[in-house]
Amino acid sequence: MSSGVAVNSECLDTFQELKLGKKLKYIIYAVSKDKTEIVVVKTSKSADYDEFIADLPEDDCRWAVYDFEFEKEGGGKRNKICFYSWAPDDAKIKAKMLFASSKDALRRALVGIAAEIQGTDYSEVAYESVLDKVSRGN
């Protein structure tokens, strides 16, 4: 089911910048305060994964796109663009419902996502956990 929340064009422009420009490392998205559209709340060029995780709030939902770089045994460096759905247990129920029903609009608009990560607590988005998911099947 769709929530009717629109995807702001800046979301797509910023994603293209990350995907093609390779200058951005991650983008964090949220539902706008008036709950009418999905907007970019932060972009970063920092390759520090812990910094990225720290930008995911403990009590509110976010989506994120992260250019995940890892070393493949015998295969050199690899990059996978990962889409994160962050819905922590401490987020309000109404926010989680709007978040869940709005996700598809954003996810469909972002072409070129290699992996999807869902997290309700920090262990599910920990570097090792994501590394395990993205390095399978390579």
C-alpha atoms as a PDB file:
ATOM      1  CA  MET A   1       0.000   0.000   0.000  1.00  0.00           C
ATOM      2  CA  SER A   2       1.238   3.469  -0.868  1.00  0.00           C
ATOM      3  CA  SER A   3       1.032   6.370   1.571  1.00  0.00           C
ATOM      4  CA  GLY A   4       0.718   9.082  -1.069  1.00  0.00           C
ATOM      5  CA  VAL A   5       3.963  10.654   0.147  1.00  0.00           C
ATOM      6  CA  ALA A   6       5.847  12.012  -2.875  1.00  0.00           C
ATOM      7  CA  VAL A   7       9.570  11.723  -3.550  1.00  0.00           C
ATOM      8  CA  ASN A   8      11.223  15.160  -3.755  1.00  0.00           C
ATOM      9  CA  SER A   9      13.286  15.532  -6.956  1.00  0.00           C
ATOM     10  CA  GLU A  10      16.336  16.416  -4.834  1.00  0.00           C
ATOM     11  CA  CYS A  11      16.304  12.791  -3.611  1.00  0.00           C
ATOM     12  CA  LEU A  12      16.927  11.532  -7.151  1.00  0.00           C
ATOM     13  CA  ASP A  13      19.447  14.248  -8.039  1.00  0.00           C
ATOM     14  CA  THR A  14      21.473  13.505  -4.914  1.00  0.00           C
ATOM     15  CA  PHE A  15      21.317   9.760  -5.583  1.00  0.00           C
ATOM     16  CA  GLN A  16      22.634  10.279  -9.143  1.00  0.00           C
ATOM     17  CA  GLU A  17      25.444  12.380  -7.691  1.00  0.00           C
ATOM     18  CA  LEU A  18      26.398   9.513  -5.346  1.00  0.00           C
ATOM     19  CA  LYS A  19      26.044   6.844  -8.031  1.00  0.00           C
ATOM     20  CA  LEU A  20      27.785   8.614 -10.905  1.00  0.00           C
ATOM     21  CA  GLY A  21      29.894  11.322  -9.297  1.00  0.00           C
ATOM     22  CA  LYS A  22      31.419   9.023  -6.662  1.00  0.00           C
ATOM     23  CA  LYS A  23      31.989  12.068  -4.435  1.00  0.00           C
ATOM     24  CA  LEU A  24      29.251  11.333  -1.890  1.00  0.00           C
ATOM     25  CA  LYS A  25      29.528   8.302   0.375  1.00  0.00           C
ATOM     26  CA  TYR A  26      26.000   8.320   1.792  1.00  0.00           C
ATOM     27  CA  ILE A  27      22.619  10.044   1.764  1.00  0.00           C
ATOM     28  CA  ILE A  28      20.012  10.004   4.517  1.00  0.00           C
ATOM     29  CA  TYR A  29      16.330  10.514   3.664  1.00  0.00           C
ATOM     30  CA  ALA A  30      13.281  11.166   5.847  1.00  0.00           C
ATOM     31  CA  VAL A  31       9.625  12.082   5.561  1.00  0.00           C
ATOM     32  CA  SER A  32       9.222  15.882   5.637  1.00  0.00           C
ATOM     33  CA  LYS A  33       7.762  17.541   8.753  1.00  0.00           C
ATOM     34  CA  ASP A  34       4.426  18.119   6.971  1.00  0.00           C
ATOM     35  CA  LYS A  35       4.431  14.414   5.926  1.00  0.00           C
ATOM     36  CA  THR A  36       3.864  15.171   2.227  1.00  0.00           C
ATOM     37  CA  GLU A  37       7.193  14.154   0.706  1.00  0.00           C
ATOM     38  CA  ILE A  38      10.461  12.314   1.175  1.00  0.00           C
ATOM     39  CA  VAL A  39      13.406  14.694   1.488  1.00  0.00           C
ATOM     40  CA  VAL A  40      17.198  14.552   1.816  1.00  0.00           C
ATOM     41  CA  VAL A  41      18.206  15.309   5.416  1.00  0.00           C
ATOM     42  CA  LYS A  42      21.947  14.719   5.113  1.00  0.00           C
ATOM     43  CA  THR A  43      24.686  13.883   2.644  1.00  0.00           C
ATOM     44  CA  SER A  44      28.261  13.044   3.505  1.00  0.00           C
ATOM     45  CA  LYS A  45      31.577  12.398   1.812  1.00  0.00           C
ATOM     46  CA  SER A  46      32.953  10.642   4.906  1.00  0.00           C
ATOM     47  CA  ALA A  47      33.971   7.017   4.373  1.00  0.00           C
ATOM     48  CA  ASP A  48      33.730   6.355   8.130  1.00  0.00           C
ATOM     49  CA  TYR A  49      31.001   3.706   8.497  1.00  0.00           C
ATOM     50  CA  ASP A  50      30.604   4.449  12.220  1.00  0.00           C
ATOM     51  CA  GLU A  51      29.821   8.068  11.360  1.00  0.00           C
ATOM     52  CA  PHE A  52      27.103   6.876   8.971  1.00  0.00           C
ATOM     53  CA  ILE A  53      25.567   4.624  11.642  1.00  0.00           C
ATOM     54  CA  ALA A  54      25.683   7.501  14.151  1.00  0.00           C
ATOM     55  CA  ASP A  55      23.511   9.526  11.746  1.00  0.00           C
ATOM     56  CA  LEU A  56      20.683   6.999  12.104  1.00  0.00           C
ATOM     57  CA  PRO A  57      18.535   8.238  15.003  1.00  0.00           C
ATOM     58  CA  GLU A  58      17.660   5.887  17.873  1.00  0.00           C
ATOM     59  CA  ASP A  59      13.992   6.869  17.925  1.00  0.00           C
ATOM     60  CA  ASP A  60      13.010   7.835  14.369  1.00  0.00           C
ATOM     61  CA  CYS A  61      12.790   6.160  10.961  1.00  0.00           C
ATOM     62  CA  ARG A  62      15.132   6.961   8.081  1.00  0.00           C
ATOM     63  CA  TRP A  63      16.095   5.623   4.691  1.00  0.00           C
ATOM     64  CA  ALA A  64      19.669   5.795   3.538  1.00  0.00           C
ATOM     65  CA  VAL A  65      21.814   4.982   0.563  1.00  0.00           C
ATOM     66  CA  TYR A  66      25.397   4.026   1.307  1.00  0.00           C
ATOM     67  CA  ASP A  67      28.174   3.340  -1.197  1.00  0.00           C
ATOM     68  CA  PHE A  68      29.544   0.270   0.557  1.00  0.00           C
ATOM     69  CA  GLU A  69      33.169  -0.486  -0.318  1.00  0.00           C
ATOM     70  CA  PHE A  70      34.722  -3.795   0.625  1.00  0.00           C
ATOM     71  CA  GLU A  71      37.644  -6.054  -0.200  1.00  0.00           C
ATOM     72  CA  LYS A  72      36.766  -9.276  -2.009  1.00  0.00           C
ATOM     73  CA  GLU A  73      39.198 -12.109  -1.320  1.00  0.00           C
ATOM     74  CA  GLY A  74      41.224 -12.526  -4.485  1.00  0.00           C
ATOM     75  CA  GLY A  75      38.964 -10.030  -6.268  1.00  0.00           C
ATOM     76  CA  GLY A  76      40.196  -6.648  -5.101  1.00  0.00           C
ATOM     77  CA  LYS A  77      37.999  -3.734  -4.052  1.00  0.00           C
ATOM     78  CA  ARG A  78      34.279  -3.806  -4.754  1.00  0.00           C
ATOM     79  CA  ASN A  79      31.499  -1.279  -4.297  1.00  0.00           C
ATOM     80  CA  LYS A  80      27.818  -1.955  -3.765  1.00  0.00           C
ATOM     81  CA  ILE A  81      25.204   0.734  -3.414  1.00  0.00           C
ATOM     82  CA  CYS A  82      23.035  -0.316  -0.477  1.00  0.00           C
ATOM     83  CA  PHE A  83      19.571   0.922   0.403  1.00  0.00           C
ATOM     84  CA  TYR A  84      18.827   1.003   4.129  1.00  0.00           C
ATOM     85  CA  SER A  85      15.406   1.017   5.761  1.00  0.00           C
ATOM     86  CA  TRP A  86      15.958   2.098   9.348  1.00  0.00           C
ATOM     87  CA  ALA A  87      12.936   1.651  11.625  1.00  0.00           C
ATOM     88  CA  PRO A  88      14.216   1.369  15.212  1.00  0.00           C
ATOM     89  CA  ASP A  89      12.103  -0.314  17.872  1.00  0.00           C
ATOM     90  CA  ASP A  90      11.848   3.000  19.766  1.00  0.00           C
ATOM     91  CA  ALA A  91      10.230   4.879  16.853  1.00  0.00           C
ATOM     92  CA  LYS A  92       6.554   5.793  17.186  1.00  0.00           C
ATOM     93  CA  ILE A  93       4.106   3.293  15.675  1.00  0.00           C
ATOM     94  CA  LYS A  94       2.440   5.905  13.451  1.00  0.00           C
ATOM     95  CA  ALA A  95       5.835   7.001  12.104  1.00  0.00           C
ATOM     96  CA  LYS A  96       6.759   3.381  11.346  1.00  0.00           C
ATOM     97  CA  MET A  97       3.500   2.831   9.474  1.00  0.00           C
ATOM     98  CA  LEU A  98       3.970   5.940   7.319  1.00  0.00           C
ATOM     99  CA  PHE A  99       7.607   4.982   6.794  1.00  0.00           C
ATOM    100  CA  ALA A 100       6.745   1.430   5.696  1.00  0.00           C
ATOM    101  CA  SER A 101       4.017   2.543   3.313  1.00  0.00           C
ATOM    102  CA  SER A 102       6.218   5.260   1.769  1.00  0.00           C
ATOM    103  CA  LYS A 103       9.322   3.135   1.220  1.00  0.00           C
ATOM    104  CA  ASP A 104       8.356   1.709  -2.187  1.00  0.00           C
ATOM    105  CA  ALA A 105       8.002   5.126  -3.807  1.00  0.00           C
ATOM    106  CA  LEU A 106      11.588   6.009  -2.856  1.00  0.00           C
ATOM    107  CA  ARG A 107      13.005   2.533  -3.501  1.00  0.00           C
ATOM    108  CA  ARG A 108      11.510   2.355  -7.019  1.00  0.00           C
ATOM    109  CA  ALA A 109      12.830   5.822  -7.875  1.00  0.00           C
ATOM    110  CA  LEU A 110      16.429   4.883  -7.024  1.00  0.00           C
ATOM    111  CA  VAL A 111      17.696   2.759  -9.904  1.00  0.00           C
ATOM    112  CA  GLY A 112      20.963   0.922  -9.362  1.00  0.00           C
ATOM    113  CA  ILE A 113      20.643  -0.363  -5.808  1.00  0.00           C
ATOM    114  CA  ALA A 114      22.638  -3.581  -5.327  1.00  0.00           C
ATOM    115  CA  ALA A 115      21.479  -4.614  -1.848  1.00  0.00           C
ATOM    116  CA  GLU A 116      18.726  -3.769   0.585  1.00  0.00           C
ATOM    117  CA  ILE A 117      19.366  -3.671   4.320  1.00  0.00           C
ATOM    118  CA  GLN A 118      16.590  -3.492   6.902  1.00  0.00           C
ATOM    119  CA  GLY A 119      17.388  -2.506  10.443  1.00  0.00           C
ATOM    120  CA  THR A 120      15.463  -2.147  13.676  1.00  0.00           C
ATOM    121  CA  ASP A 121      18.558  -2.002  15.872  1.00  0.00           C
ATOM    122  CA  TYR A 122      22.210  -1.176  15.345  1.00  0.00           C
ATOM    123  CA  SER A 123      23.360  -4.820  15.216  1.00  0.00           C
ATOM    124  CA  GLU A 124      21.386  -5.300  11.976  1.00  0.00           C
ATOM    125  CA  VAL A 125      23.205  -2.434  10.251  1.00  0.00           C
ATOM    126  CA  ALA A 126      26.636  -3.142  11.753  1.00  0.00           C
ATOM    127  CA  TYR A 127      29.488  -3.199   9.233  1.00  0.00           C
ATOM    128  CA  GLU A 128      30.107  -6.967   9.557  1.00  0.00           C
ATOM    129  CA  SER A 129      26.416  -7.749   9.125  1.00  0.00           C
ATOM    130  CA  VAL A 130      26.172  -5.646   5.951  1.00  0.00           C
ATOM    131  CA  LEU A 131      29.505  -6.956   4.660  1.00  0.00           C
ATOM    132  CA  ASP A 132      28.184 -10.507   5.016  1.00  0.00           C
ATOM    133  CA  LYS A 133      25.072  -9.621   3.001  1.00  0.00           C
ATOM    134  CA  VAL A 134      26.779  -7.703   0.162  1.00  0.00           C
ATOM    135  CA  SER A 135      29.713 -10.078  -0.294  1.00  0.00           C
ATOM    136  CA  ARG A 136      27.475 -13.118  -0.855  1.00  0.00           C
ATOM    137  CA  GLY A 137      27.041 -14.049  -4.484  1.00  0.00           C
ATOM    138  CA  ASN A 138      30.048 -12.084  -5.708  1.00  0.00           C
END
